[in-house]
N, C-alpha and C. Protein backbone atom coordinates (compact mmCIF):
# COMPACT_ATOMS: atom_id res chain seq x y z
N MET A 1 0.84 -1.18 0.00
CA MET A 1 0.00 0.00 0.00
C MET A 1 0.88 1.24 0.00
N THR A 2 0.63 2.14 -0.89
CA THR A 2 1.40 3.38 -1.00
C THR A 2 0.87 4.40 0.01
N ASP A 3 1.78 5.03 0.72
CA ASP A 3 1.44 6.06 1.70
C ASP A 3 1.63 7.42 1.05
N VAL A 4 0.54 8.15 0.84
CA VAL A 4 0.58 9.45 0.17
C VAL A 4 0.22 10.54 1.16
N THR A 5 1.04 11.59 1.18
CA THR A 5 0.81 12.74 2.05
C THR A 5 0.76 14.00 1.20
N LEU A 6 -0.29 14.77 1.38
CA LEU A 6 -0.50 16.01 0.64
C LEU A 6 -0.37 17.18 1.61
N TYR A 7 0.50 18.13 1.29
CA TYR A 7 0.62 19.37 2.05
C TYR A 7 -0.05 20.46 1.23
N SER A 8 -1.07 21.07 1.81
CA SER A 8 -1.86 22.07 1.10
C SER A 8 -1.94 23.35 1.94
N LYS A 9 -2.62 24.35 1.38
CA LYS A 9 -2.87 25.58 2.14
C LYS A 9 -4.20 26.17 1.69
N ASP A 10 -4.77 27.00 2.54
CA ASP A 10 -6.04 27.65 2.22
C ASP A 10 -5.91 28.48 0.95
N GLY A 11 -6.97 28.46 0.13
CA GLY A 11 -7.01 29.29 -1.07
C GLY A 11 -6.17 28.79 -2.23
N CYS A 12 -5.65 27.59 -2.14
CA CYS A 12 -4.77 27.04 -3.18
C CYS A 12 -5.59 26.16 -4.12
N VAL A 13 -5.84 26.64 -5.32
CA VAL A 13 -6.63 25.90 -6.31
C VAL A 13 -5.92 24.61 -6.71
N LYS A 14 -4.61 24.68 -6.89
CA LYS A 14 -3.86 23.47 -7.27
C LYS A 14 -3.91 22.42 -6.17
N CYS A 15 -3.94 22.86 -4.93
CA CYS A 15 -4.06 21.94 -3.79
C CYS A 15 -5.41 21.24 -3.83
N LYS A 16 -6.47 22.01 -4.05
CA LYS A 16 -7.82 21.44 -4.11
C LYS A 16 -7.95 20.49 -5.28
N ASN A 17 -7.37 20.85 -6.43
CA ASN A 17 -7.43 19.98 -7.60
C ASN A 17 -6.67 18.68 -7.35
N THR A 18 -5.53 18.77 -6.69
CA THR A 18 -4.75 17.57 -6.39
C THR A 18 -5.54 16.66 -5.47
N ALA A 19 -6.12 17.20 -4.41
CA ALA A 19 -6.92 16.40 -3.48
C ALA A 19 -8.11 15.77 -4.21
N ARG A 20 -8.77 16.55 -5.06
CA ARG A 20 -9.93 16.05 -5.80
C ARG A 20 -9.54 14.88 -6.71
N GLN A 21 -8.41 15.01 -7.40
CA GLN A 21 -7.98 13.95 -8.31
C GLN A 21 -7.51 12.70 -7.55
N LEU A 22 -6.84 12.89 -6.43
CA LEU A 22 -6.45 11.74 -5.62
C LEU A 22 -7.70 10.96 -5.20
N LYS A 23 -8.73 11.67 -4.79
CA LYS A 23 -9.99 11.02 -4.40
C LYS A 23 -10.64 10.34 -5.61
N LYS A 24 -10.64 11.04 -6.74
CA LYS A 24 -11.26 10.50 -7.95
C LYS A 24 -10.64 9.16 -8.34
N TYR A 25 -9.34 9.06 -8.21
CA TYR A 25 -8.63 7.83 -8.60
C TYR A 25 -8.54 6.83 -7.45
N GLY A 26 -9.22 7.10 -6.35
CA GLY A 26 -9.28 6.16 -5.25
C GLY A 26 -7.98 6.00 -4.48
N ILE A 27 -7.18 7.04 -4.47
CA ILE A 27 -5.90 7.01 -3.76
C ILE A 27 -6.09 7.58 -2.36
N ASP A 28 -5.87 6.76 -1.36
CA ASP A 28 -5.96 7.23 0.02
C ASP A 28 -4.77 8.14 0.31
N PHE A 29 -5.02 9.20 1.05
CA PHE A 29 -3.94 10.13 1.39
C PHE A 29 -4.25 10.84 2.70
N THR A 30 -3.19 11.34 3.31
CA THR A 30 -3.31 12.17 4.49
C THR A 30 -3.00 13.60 4.06
N GLU A 31 -3.83 14.53 4.49
CA GLU A 31 -3.62 15.93 4.10
C GLU A 31 -3.29 16.78 5.32
N TYR A 32 -2.27 17.61 5.17
CA TYR A 32 -1.90 18.59 6.19
C TYR A 32 -2.03 19.98 5.58
N ASN A 33 -2.81 20.83 6.22
CA ASN A 33 -3.02 22.19 5.75
C ASN A 33 -2.07 23.11 6.52
N ILE A 34 -1.09 23.66 5.82
CA ILE A 34 -0.09 24.49 6.48
C ILE A 34 -0.64 25.84 6.94
N SER A 35 -1.85 26.17 6.51
CA SER A 35 -2.48 27.41 6.97
C SER A 35 -2.93 27.31 8.43
N VAL A 36 -3.15 26.08 8.89
CA VAL A 36 -3.64 25.89 10.26
C VAL A 36 -2.76 24.96 11.10
N ASP A 37 -1.86 24.25 10.47
CA ASP A 37 -1.00 23.28 11.17
C ASP A 37 0.43 23.81 11.20
N GLU A 38 0.82 24.37 12.34
CA GLU A 38 2.15 25.00 12.46
C GLU A 38 3.29 23.99 12.31
N ASP A 39 3.12 22.77 12.80
CA ASP A 39 4.16 21.75 12.64
C ASP A 39 4.37 21.41 11.17
N ALA A 40 3.26 21.26 10.44
CA ALA A 40 3.35 20.98 9.01
C ALA A 40 3.99 22.15 8.26
N LYS A 41 3.64 23.36 8.67
CA LYS A 41 4.20 24.56 8.03
C LYS A 41 5.71 24.64 8.26
N THR A 42 6.15 24.38 9.47
CA THR A 42 7.58 24.39 9.79
C THR A 42 8.32 23.34 8.97
N PHE A 43 7.75 22.13 8.91
CA PHE A 43 8.35 21.06 8.11
C PHE A 43 8.47 21.48 6.65
N LEU A 44 7.38 22.00 6.09
CA LEU A 44 7.36 22.33 4.67
C LEU A 44 8.28 23.50 4.33
N LEU A 45 8.42 24.46 5.21
CA LEU A 45 9.36 25.55 4.96
C LEU A 45 10.78 25.02 4.84
N GLY A 46 11.14 24.08 5.71
CA GLY A 46 12.46 23.47 5.62
C GLY A 46 12.63 22.67 4.34
N GLU A 47 11.59 21.94 3.96
CA GLU A 47 11.65 21.15 2.72
C GLU A 47 11.73 22.05 1.50
N SER A 48 10.98 23.12 1.52
CA SER A 48 10.99 24.06 0.40
C SER A 48 12.40 24.62 0.17
N GLU A 49 13.06 24.95 1.26
CA GLU A 49 14.43 25.45 1.17
C GLU A 49 15.40 24.36 0.70
N ARG A 50 15.24 23.17 1.27
CA ARG A 50 16.13 22.05 0.93
C ARG A 50 15.99 21.65 -0.54
N LEU A 51 14.75 21.63 -1.03
CA LEU A 51 14.48 21.19 -2.40
C LEU A 51 14.55 22.32 -3.42
N ASN A 52 14.58 23.55 -2.92
CA ASN A 52 14.60 24.74 -3.77
C ASN A 52 13.36 24.80 -4.67
N VAL A 53 12.21 24.46 -4.10
CA VAL A 53 10.92 24.57 -4.79
C VAL A 53 9.93 25.19 -3.82
N ASN A 54 8.92 25.88 -4.36
CA ASN A 54 7.95 26.49 -3.45
C ASN A 54 6.52 26.49 -3.96
N THR A 55 6.25 25.88 -5.08
CA THR A 55 4.89 25.85 -5.60
C THR A 55 4.07 24.79 -4.88
N MET A 56 2.94 25.18 -4.36
CA MET A 56 2.04 24.26 -3.67
C MET A 56 1.19 23.52 -4.69
N PRO A 57 0.71 22.34 -4.34
CA PRO A 57 0.96 21.58 -3.12
C PRO A 57 2.25 20.77 -3.20
N PHE A 58 2.63 20.19 -2.07
CA PHE A 58 3.74 19.24 -2.02
C PHE A 58 3.13 17.87 -1.76
N VAL A 59 3.61 16.87 -2.49
CA VAL A 59 3.11 15.51 -2.32
C VAL A 59 4.30 14.60 -2.01
N TYR A 60 4.13 13.79 -0.97
CA TYR A 60 5.14 12.81 -0.58
C TYR A 60 4.56 11.42 -0.76
N VAL A 61 5.38 10.52 -1.27
CA VAL A 61 4.95 9.14 -1.48
C VAL A 61 5.89 8.25 -0.68
N ASP A 62 5.31 7.48 0.21
CA ASP A 62 6.08 6.62 1.11
C ASP A 62 7.19 7.38 1.84
N GLY A 63 6.84 8.60 2.27
CA GLY A 63 7.76 9.41 3.07
C GLY A 63 8.84 10.15 2.30
N VAL A 64 8.80 10.04 0.97
CA VAL A 64 9.81 10.68 0.12
C VAL A 64 9.12 11.71 -0.76
N PHE A 65 9.78 12.87 -0.96
CA PHE A 65 9.22 13.90 -1.83
C PHE A 65 8.90 13.30 -3.20
N GLY A 66 7.65 13.45 -3.62
CA GLY A 66 7.23 12.94 -4.93
C GLY A 66 7.18 14.03 -5.98
N TRP A 67 6.45 15.12 -5.66
CA TRP A 67 6.34 16.24 -6.58
C TRP A 67 5.69 17.42 -5.88
N ASN A 68 5.76 18.55 -6.56
CA ASN A 68 5.00 19.72 -6.12
C ASN A 68 4.24 20.23 -7.34
N ASP A 69 3.29 21.13 -7.10
CA ASP A 69 2.43 21.66 -8.14
C ASP A 69 1.34 20.62 -8.47
N PHE A 70 0.42 20.95 -9.33
CA PHE A 70 -0.61 20.00 -9.75
C PHE A 70 -0.05 19.15 -10.87
N ARG A 71 0.03 17.84 -10.65
CA ARG A 71 0.63 16.92 -11.63
C ARG A 71 -0.27 15.71 -11.83
N ILE A 72 -1.21 15.82 -12.76
CA ILE A 72 -2.11 14.71 -13.02
C ILE A 72 -1.38 13.47 -13.49
N ASP A 73 -0.25 13.65 -14.19
CA ASP A 73 0.53 12.50 -14.64
C ASP A 73 1.08 11.71 -13.45
N LYS A 74 1.51 12.40 -12.42
CA LYS A 74 2.03 11.73 -11.22
C LYS A 74 0.91 11.04 -10.46
N ILE A 75 -0.26 11.69 -10.41
CA ILE A 75 -1.40 11.09 -9.73
C ILE A 75 -1.80 9.81 -10.45
N LYS A 76 -1.92 9.86 -11.77
CA LYS A 76 -2.27 8.66 -12.54
C LYS A 76 -1.22 7.58 -12.39
N GLY A 77 0.04 7.99 -12.23
CA GLY A 77 1.12 7.02 -12.02
C GLY A 77 0.97 6.25 -10.73
N LEU A 78 0.36 6.87 -9.73
CA LEU A 78 0.12 6.17 -8.46
C LEU A 78 -0.90 5.06 -8.62
N VAL A 79 -1.83 5.24 -9.55
CA VAL A 79 -2.88 4.24 -9.77
C VAL A 79 -2.27 2.94 -10.29
N SER A 80 -1.31 3.07 -11.18
CA SER A 80 -0.69 1.87 -11.77
C SER A 80 0.46 1.32 -10.93
N ALA A 81 0.81 2.01 -9.86
CA ALA A 81 1.92 1.56 -9.01
C ALA A 81 1.53 0.39 -8.13
């Protein structure tokens, strides 16, 4: 079973689209909203600096950075994984 984690924020259309597509394809995921979760925000700020990327959302697969931004190709890739 693949463990998917989505880091999102309030007002982020790409975050909402990513969550919607994960649900559409039946992919279970845990979502952390950095607008209200300070621990998630602190983690993501460090990751953003480490990875040199900042476009939301951030998606982790099995605890490893998978992608950021809205990526339907990556979501569909999880279905066949």
